[in-house]
């Protein structure tokens, strides 16, 4: 469960960069995202924890950016495998 929550947290941070491109404004959003995750970090009941995880996934999918930012050198980026240096 902890690994799934960590992955969701990292996805939320990465995905929020698609909405807010200025780092100083993004940092404020990142702190808010962290606070939302920290508010539920001490829950020990796995039923409640799984329910919170499912709700968070639904919210994440609801607010997904329609055209997420992809780094140019990453797979799917506009510069992926362009001008690869010879071996």
Protein backbone atom coordinates (compact mmCIF):
# COMPACT_ATOMS: atom_id res chain seq x y z
CA UNK A 1 0.00 0.00 0.00
CA UNK A 2 2.80 2.43 0.88
CA UNK A 3 4.38 1.97 -2.53
CA UNK A 4 1.08 2.68 -4.32
CA UNK A 5 0.56 5.84 -2.27
CA UNK A 6 4.13 6.98 -2.96
CA UNK A 7 3.66 6.43 -6.68
CA UNK A 8 0.39 8.36 -6.64
CA UNK A 9 2.06 11.22 -4.75
CA UNK A 10 4.89 11.40 -7.28
CA UNK A 11 2.40 11.26 -10.17
CA UNK A 12 0.46 14.13 -8.64
CA UNK A 13 3.61 16.22 -8.31
CA UNK A 14 4.77 15.50 -11.86
CA UNK A 15 1.33 16.05 -13.29
CA UNK A 16 0.83 19.34 -11.48
CA UNK A 17 3.79 20.67 -13.50
CA UNK A 18 1.58 20.35 -16.58
CA UNK A 19 -0.85 22.84 -15.07
CA UNK A 20 1.61 25.20 -13.36
CA UNK A 21 4.84 25.77 -15.26
CA UNK A 22 6.36 28.50 -13.08
CA UNK A 23 8.40 26.79 -10.36
CA UNK A 24 7.70 29.28 -7.57
CA UNK A 25 3.94 28.92 -8.05
CA UNK A 26 4.27 25.16 -8.54
CA UNK A 27 6.14 24.84 -5.24
CA UNK A 28 3.15 26.25 -3.37
CA UNK A 29 0.92 23.66 -5.05
CA UNK A 30 3.43 20.92 -4.21
CA UNK A 31 3.30 21.90 -0.53
CA UNK A 32 -0.52 21.71 -0.62
CA UNK A 33 -0.37 18.27 -2.27
CA UNK A 34 2.09 17.09 0.39
CA UNK A 35 -0.17 18.39 3.16
CA UNK A 36 -3.13 16.44 1.76
CA UNK A 37 -1.10 13.23 1.73
CA UNK A 38 0.38 13.87 5.19
CA UNK A 39 -3.09 14.41 6.66
CA UNK A 40 -3.82 10.69 6.18
CA UNK A 41 -0.40 9.15 6.74
CA UNK A 42 -1.15 7.77 10.22
CA UNK A 43 -4.20 5.73 9.25
CA UNK A 44 -3.63 2.10 10.22
CA UNK A 45 -6.97 0.62 9.15
CA UNK A 46 -6.26 -0.85 5.70
CA UNK A 47 -9.91 -0.73 4.65
CA UNK A 48 -10.04 3.01 5.24
CA UNK A 49 -6.59 3.48 3.69
CA UNK A 50 -7.60 1.62 0.53
CA UNK A 51 -10.81 3.62 0.31
CA UNK A 52 -8.84 6.88 0.60
CA UNK A 53 -6.43 5.65 -2.07
CA UNK A 54 -9.27 4.85 -4.47
CA UNK A 55 -10.83 8.27 -3.88
CA UNK A 56 -7.47 9.94 -4.51
CA UNK A 57 -7.04 7.97 -7.75
CA UNK A 58 -10.50 9.06 -8.91
CA UNK A 59 -9.66 12.67 -8.13
CA UNK A 60 -6.31 12.36 -9.92
CA UNK A 61 -7.98 10.94 -13.03
CA UNK A 62 -10.67 13.62 -12.90
CA UNK A 63 -8.16 16.48 -12.91
CA UNK A 64 -5.66 15.02 -15.36
CA UNK A 65 -4.25 17.48 -17.86
CA UNK A 66 -5.51 16.74 -21.40
CA UNK A 67 -2.05 17.40 -22.87
CA UNK A 68 0.53 16.61 -20.17
CA UNK A 69 4.06 17.98 -20.38
CA UNK A 70 6.61 15.49 -21.71
CA UNK A 71 10.30 16.37 -21.55
CA UNK A 72 11.64 16.65 -25.12
CA UNK A 73 14.29 13.96 -24.61
CA UNK A 74 11.89 11.48 -22.98
CA UNK A 75 10.01 8.78 -24.91
CA UNK A 76 7.10 10.57 -26.53
CA UNK A 77 8.98 13.87 -26.54
CA UNK A 78 9.68 15.79 -29.73
CA UNK A 79 13.45 15.25 -29.53
CA UNK A 80 13.52 11.60 -28.42
CA UNK A 81 16.37 9.66 -30.09
CA UNK A 82 17.25 12.59 -32.34
CA UNK A 83 20.90 13.09 -33.16
CA UNK A 84 22.10 10.18 -31.07
CA UNK A 85 25.88 10.37 -30.68
CA UNK A 86 27.71 7.51 -32.41
CA UNK A 87 29.05 4.73 -30.18
